[in-house]
Protein backbone atom coordinates (compact mmCIF):
# COMPACT_ATOMS: atom_id res chain seq x y z
CA UNK A 1 7.92 -150.73 4.39
CA UNK A 2 6.25 -154.14 4.28
CA UNK A 3 5.23 -153.89 7.97
CA UNK A 4 3.83 -150.42 7.38
CA UNK A 5 1.78 -151.69 4.42
CA UNK A 6 0.14 -154.20 6.75
CA UNK A 7 -1.10 -151.52 9.16
CA UNK A 8 -4.82 -150.83 9.38
CA UNK A 9 -4.42 -147.16 8.40
CA UNK A 10 -2.49 -147.96 5.22
CA UNK A 11 -5.00 -150.66 4.23
CA UNK A 12 -7.95 -148.25 4.66
CA UNK A 13 -6.30 -145.60 2.45
CA UNK A 14 -5.20 -148.19 -0.12
CA UNK A 15 -8.77 -149.56 -0.35
CA UNK A 16 -10.22 -146.03 -0.60
CA UNK A 17 -7.87 -145.15 -3.47
CA UNK A 18 -8.58 -148.43 -5.28
CA UNK A 19 -12.33 -147.79 -5.06
CA UNK A 20 -11.69 -144.49 -6.88
CA UNK A 21 -9.55 -146.26 -9.47
CA UNK A 22 -6.30 -144.72 -8.19
CA UNK A 23 -2.93 -146.03 -7.09
CA UNK A 24 -0.56 -143.99 -4.88
CA UNK A 25 2.57 -142.62 -6.53
CA UNK A 26 5.80 -144.03 -5.09
CA UNK A 27 6.67 -140.67 -3.48
CA UNK A 28 3.27 -140.64 -1.71
CA UNK A 29 3.76 -144.15 -0.28
CA UNK A 30 7.29 -143.21 0.72
CA UNK A 31 6.06 -140.09 2.55
CA UNK A 32 3.40 -142.10 4.42
CA UNK A 33 5.98 -144.68 5.50
CA UNK A 34 8.54 -142.07 6.62
CA UNK A 35 5.88 -140.17 8.57
CA UNK A 36 4.86 -143.48 10.18
CA UNK A 37 8.49 -143.85 11.30
CA UNK A 38 8.47 -140.38 12.91
CA UNK A 39 10.41 -138.47 10.25
CA UNK A 40 10.06 -134.81 9.37
CA UNK A 41 11.06 -133.78 5.86
CA UNK A 42 10.34 -132.32 2.47
CA UNK A 43 8.32 -133.64 -0.48
CA UNK A 44 9.46 -132.41 -3.88
CA UNK A 45 7.23 -133.08 -6.89
CA UNK A 46 5.82 -131.26 -9.93
CA UNK A 47 2.57 -129.32 -9.59
CA UNK A 48 -0.57 -131.43 -9.93
CA UNK A 49 0.99 -134.73 -8.84
CA UNK A 50 -0.73 -135.03 -5.47
CA UNK A 51 1.85 -133.50 -3.11
CA UNK A 52 -1.02 -132.41 -0.85
CA UNK A 53 -2.22 -135.97 -0.30
CA UNK A 54 1.32 -137.20 0.33
CA UNK A 55 1.49 -135.28 3.64
CA UNK A 56 -2.21 -134.97 4.49
CA UNK A 57 -2.87 -138.70 4.13
CA UNK A 58 0.31 -139.47 6.11
CA UNK A 59 -1.33 -137.77 9.10
CA UNK A 60 -4.65 -139.53 8.42
CA UNK A 61 -2.94 -142.94 8.28
CA UNK A 62 -1.08 -142.22 11.52
CA UNK A 63 -4.38 -141.24 13.18
CA UNK A 64 -6.11 -144.40 11.92
CA UNK A 65 -3.23 -146.50 13.31
CA UNK A 66 -3.00 -144.69 16.67
CA UNK A 67 -6.34 -142.93 17.40
CA UNK A 68 -5.72 -142.97 21.16
CA UNK A 69 -2.55 -140.91 20.69
CA UNK A 70 -4.54 -137.93 19.37
CA UNK A 71 -6.47 -135.42 21.49
CA UNK A 72 -9.60 -133.52 20.47
CA UNK A 73 -8.89 -130.33 18.54
CA UNK A 74 -6.11 -129.22 16.23
CA UNK A 75 -3.98 -132.05 14.80
CA UNK A 76 -2.59 -130.62 11.56
CA UNK A 77 -1.77 -127.00 10.64
CA UNK A 78 -1.46 -126.44 6.90
CA UNK A 79 0.41 -123.21 6.09
CA UNK A 80 0.05 -121.90 2.55
CA UNK A 81 1.22 -118.62 1.03
CA UNK A 82 -1.74 -118.66 -1.37
CA UNK A 83 -5.00 -117.69 0.29
CA UNK A 84 -6.87 -118.30 -2.99
CA UNK A 85 -6.07 -122.06 -2.96
CA UNK A 86 -7.17 -122.67 0.64
CA UNK A 87 -10.86 -123.29 -0.17
CA UNK A 88 -10.04 -125.80 -2.90
CA UNK A 89 -7.58 -127.63 -0.65
CA UNK A 90 -10.06 -127.70 2.22
CA UNK A 91 -12.77 -129.09 -0.07
CA UNK A 92 -10.45 -131.87 -1.34
CA UNK A 93 -9.45 -132.76 2.23
CA UNK A 94 -13.06 -132.68 3.51
CA UNK A 95 -14.20 -134.90 0.63
CA UNK A 96 -11.41 -137.37 1.44
CA UNK A 97 -12.13 -137.60 5.19
CA UNK A 98 -15.85 -137.98 4.49
CA UNK A 99 -15.28 -140.82 2.01
CA UNK A 100 -12.78 -142.50 4.35
CA UNK A 101 -15.31 -142.24 7.19
CA UNK A 102 -13.45 -139.91 9.57
CA UNK A 103 -15.31 -137.37 11.69
CA UNK A 104 -12.62 -134.71 11.16
CA UNK A 105 -13.38 -131.05 10.50
CA UNK A 106 -11.15 -129.30 7.96
CA UNK A 107 -11.46 -125.51 7.96
CA UNK A 108 -9.82 -122.38 6.57
CA UNK A 109 -8.76 -119.36 8.59
CA UNK A 110 -7.43 -116.27 6.85
CA UNK A 111 -8.34 -112.64 6.21
CA UNK A 112 -11.55 -113.71 4.44
CA UNK A 113 -12.89 -115.83 7.33
CA UNK A 114 -16.16 -114.49 8.79
CA UNK A 115 -16.08 -113.23 12.41
CA UNK A 116 -18.66 -115.80 13.58
CA UNK A 117 -16.49 -118.62 12.15
CA UNK A 118 -13.41 -117.22 13.90
CA UNK A 119 -15.21 -117.12 17.25
CA UNK A 120 -16.47 -120.70 16.75
CA UNK A 121 -12.96 -121.91 15.89
CA UNK A 122 -11.58 -120.23 18.99
CA UNK A 123 -14.04 -122.18 21.13
CA UNK A 124 -13.08 -125.46 19.42
CA UNK A 125 -10.43 -125.62 16.74
CA UNK A 126 -11.01 -127.97 13.77
CA UNK A 127 -8.85 -131.07 13.33
CA UNK A 128 -7.12 -129.51 10.32
CA UNK A 129 -6.61 -125.75 9.93
CA UNK A 130 -5.50 -124.23 6.62
CA UNK A 131 -4.02 -120.79 7.15
CA UNK A 132 -1.37 -118.24 6.11
CA UNK A 133 1.79 -117.26 8.03
CA UNK A 134 0.26 -113.87 8.93
CA UNK A 135 -3.03 -115.31 10.25
CA UNK A 136 -1.16 -117.87 12.34
CA UNK A 137 0.76 -115.05 14.03
CA UNK A 138 -2.50 -113.23 14.72
CA UNK A 139 -3.67 -116.36 16.58
CA UNK A 140 -0.54 -116.15 18.75
CA UNK A 141 -1.60 -112.66 19.85
CA UNK A 142 -4.84 -113.93 21.41
CA UNK A 143 -5.26 -114.71 25.10
CA UNK A 144 -4.57 -118.29 26.21
CA UNK A 145 -3.59 -119.29 22.66
CA UNK A 146 -1.31 -122.11 23.89
CA UNK A 147 -4.34 -124.37 24.43
CA UNK A 148 -4.94 -124.55 20.67
CA UNK A 149 -1.45 -125.73 19.78
CA UNK A 150 -0.27 -128.11 22.51
CA UNK A 151 -1.58 -131.26 20.79
CA UNK A 152 -0.67 -130.38 17.18
CA UNK A 153 1.17 -133.37 15.69
CA UNK A 154 2.18 -131.95 12.31
CA UNK A 155 2.78 -128.64 10.53
CA UNK A 156 2.80 -128.81 6.73
CA UNK A 157 4.24 -125.85 4.84
CA UNK A 158 2.88 -125.78 1.30
CA UNK A 159 4.78 -124.07 -1.54
CA UNK A 160 7.88 -123.72 0.67
CA UNK A 161 9.88 -122.58 -2.38
CA UNK A 162 7.58 -119.52 -2.55
CA UNK A 163 8.08 -118.60 1.13
CA UNK A 164 11.79 -119.43 1.46
CA UNK A 165 14.03 -116.41 1.75
CA UNK A 166 11.20 -113.90 2.27
CA UNK A 167 9.73 -112.15 5.32
CA UNK A 168 6.77 -114.53 5.11
CA UNK A 169 9.23 -117.43 5.24
CA UNK A 170 10.75 -116.01 8.43
CA UNK A 171 7.23 -115.65 9.90
CA UNK A 172 6.69 -119.34 9.10
CA UNK A 173 9.96 -120.38 10.77
CA UNK A 174 9.09 -118.38 13.93
CA UNK A 175 5.58 -119.89 14.01
CA UNK A 176 7.02 -123.42 13.80
CA UNK A 177 9.48 -122.65 16.62
CA UNK A 178 6.63 -121.35 18.81
CA UNK A 179 4.38 -124.38 18.19
CA UNK A 180 7.27 -126.81 18.58
CA UNK A 181 7.90 -125.29 22.01
CA UNK A 182 4.29 -126.14 22.96
CA UNK A 183 4.25 -129.53 21.21
CA UNK A 184 7.82 -130.97 21.29
CA UNK A 185 6.96 -134.10 19.27
CA UNK A 186 5.73 -131.96 16.35
CA UNK A 187 6.60 -133.26 12.89
CA UNK A 188 7.43 -130.64 10.24
CA UNK A 189 6.91 -131.25 6.54
CA UNK A 190 7.63 -128.92 3.65
CA UNK A 191 6.05 -129.29 0.23
CA UNK A 192 7.92 -127.81 -2.68
CA UNK A 193 8.31 -127.70 -6.42
CA UNK A 194 11.84 -128.40 -7.65
CA UNK A 195 14.38 -125.72 -6.69
CA UNK A 196 18.17 -125.64 -6.90
CA UNK A 197 19.02 -125.61 -3.18
CA UNK A 198 16.77 -128.36 -1.80
CA UNK A 199 19.03 -129.47 1.07
CA UNK A 200 19.45 -125.88 2.23
CA UNK A 201 15.69 -125.32 1.94
CA UNK A 202 15.09 -128.37 4.17
CA UNK A 203 17.65 -127.21 6.76
CA UNK A 204 16.07 -123.75 6.97
CA UNK A 205 12.61 -125.26 7.51
CA UNK A 206 13.76 -127.98 9.96
CA UNK A 207 16.89 -126.74 11.81
CA UNK A 208 16.18 -129.10 14.72
CA UNK A 209 17.80 -132.27 15.98
CA UNK A 210 15.17 -134.62 14.53
CA UNK A 211 15.10 -137.34 11.89
CA UNK A 212 14.67 -135.72 8.47
CA UNK A 213 14.21 -137.00 4.94
CA UNK A 214 14.00 -135.67 1.41
CA UNK A 215 11.45 -137.36 -0.85
CA UNK A 216 11.61 -136.62 -4.57
CA UNK A 217 9.02 -137.72 -7.11
CA UNK A 218 10.55 -139.81 -9.87
CA UNK A 219 7.54 -139.19 -12.10
CA UNK A 220 7.99 -136.46 -14.71
CA UNK A 221 5.30 -134.10 -15.85
CA UNK A 222 5.01 -133.73 -19.60
CA UNK A 223 4.50 -130.11 -20.62
CA UNK A 224 3.44 -129.05 -24.07
CA UNK A 225 3.56 -125.32 -24.85
CA UNK A 226 1.50 -124.00 -27.74
CA UNK A 227 1.66 -120.34 -28.73
CA UNK A 228 -1.54 -118.65 -29.88
CA UNK A 229 -1.07 -115.75 -32.26
CA UNK A 230 -3.55 -113.40 -33.95
CA UNK A 231 -4.18 -114.12 -37.63
CA UNK A 232 -2.81 -110.69 -38.41
CA UNK A 233 -0.36 -108.73 -36.31
CA UNK A 234 -0.52 -105.13 -37.49
CA UNK A 235 0.47 -103.31 -34.33
CA UNK A 236 0.68 -103.85 -30.57
CA UNK A 237 0.27 -101.07 -28.04
CA UNK A 238 3.14 -100.39 -25.63
CA UNK A 239 0.94 -100.80 -22.57
CA UNK A 240 -2.55 -101.88 -21.51
CA UNK A 241 -2.87 -104.46 -24.31
CA UNK A 242 -5.53 -107.03 -23.39
CA UNK A 243 -5.68 -109.18 -26.53
CA UNK A 244 -9.47 -109.44 -26.40
CA UNK A 245 -9.68 -110.62 -30.02
CA UNK A 246 -7.86 -113.82 -28.97
CA UNK A 247 -10.90 -115.01 -26.96
CA UNK A 248 -12.24 -116.92 -29.98
CA UNK A 249 -9.01 -118.97 -30.00
CA UNK A 250 -8.88 -119.48 -26.22
CA UNK A 251 -12.46 -120.71 -25.71
CA UNK A 252 -12.02 -123.90 -27.82
CA UNK A 253 -8.97 -124.74 -25.67
CA UNK A 254 -11.07 -124.38 -22.50
CA UNK A 255 -13.58 -126.88 -23.91
CA UNK A 256 -10.82 -129.32 -24.95
CA UNK A 257 -9.38 -129.62 -21.43
CA UNK A 258 -10.62 -130.48 -17.96
CA UNK A 259 -8.74 -127.58 -16.38
CA UNK A 260 -7.32 -124.52 -18.11
CA UNK A 261 -5.18 -121.81 -16.52
CA UNK A 262 -5.15 -118.45 -18.29
CA UNK A 263 -2.32 -116.16 -17.21
CA UNK A 264 -2.76 -112.39 -17.32
CA UNK A 265 -0.52 -109.51 -16.28
CA UNK A 266 -2.66 -108.00 -13.53
CA UNK A 267 -5.54 -108.86 -11.22
CA UNK A 268 -7.63 -106.25 -13.02
CA UNK A 269 -6.98 -107.99 -16.36
CA UNK A 270 -8.03 -111.36 -14.90
CA UNK A 271 -11.41 -109.86 -14.01
CA UNK A 272 -11.73 -108.29 -17.47
CA UNK A 273 -10.89 -111.64 -19.10
CA UNK A 274 -13.51 -113.34 -16.95
CA UNK A 275 -16.11 -110.95 -18.39
CA UNK A 276 -14.83 -111.40 -21.95
CA UNK A 277 -15.20 -115.20 -21.69
CA UNK A 278 -18.65 -114.98 -20.07
CA UNK A 279 -19.87 -112.54 -22.75
CA UNK A 280 -18.60 -114.65 -25.62
CA UNK A 281 -19.54 -118.08 -24.19
CA UNK A 282 -22.03 -117.88 -21.29
CA UNK A 283 -21.90 -121.70 -20.78
């Protein structure tokens, strides 16, 4: 580890984090070091602890240490089951590479990607591509697709616990096998919240004869659950209950916190709640 910490790539990332007033978590440093030593593996940590930067920055550090090893085009494929998070992840990654001083392009490709952007990507793939299992398979169906994948150095599978054991998980496994055939030195990393069968989850993702590791965050996330109840509970409908009158209790909580997640039962209700909040508190 000490030798790794003396590398140029690690020093650049360490200085960048210090300038922002941050220190890497131990599981992040451990991931960077294991990636440096050519491991594939899984990172297990609670949501919101920086799992994304554990794997993403591992690839960045490796690039900074060995720029001549990398070819122009696709270096990292980031597979995520959640299309809605792709833009936020891409923005965080783009901000990081810009601040670090890399000339990398980080882009999203999924069902929402405009046709002109797809055509541009097909001419020259970005350095990092965030996509879904289904969209990756659509890329395989295109002519001469092998040229995009032969220099990929890493595939990261985000939210592996969500994909594992489903048809989308199988699509992911097949995609990795295909890309590994084109790029034999490919490193495979899964990112997961805590699940019961971690070793099995790792073996399903990386069933190959390569060095593997399991990195668990020691840090614990403190969760405080507060129930909000109406002042008077006279009756509740059996179905379709929106709880609109609770907006006056929810809005102060939104102001108290940097980020607030409001869970609803359906997509339609989430849109209705958006309108309720806007109507009551336009700011």
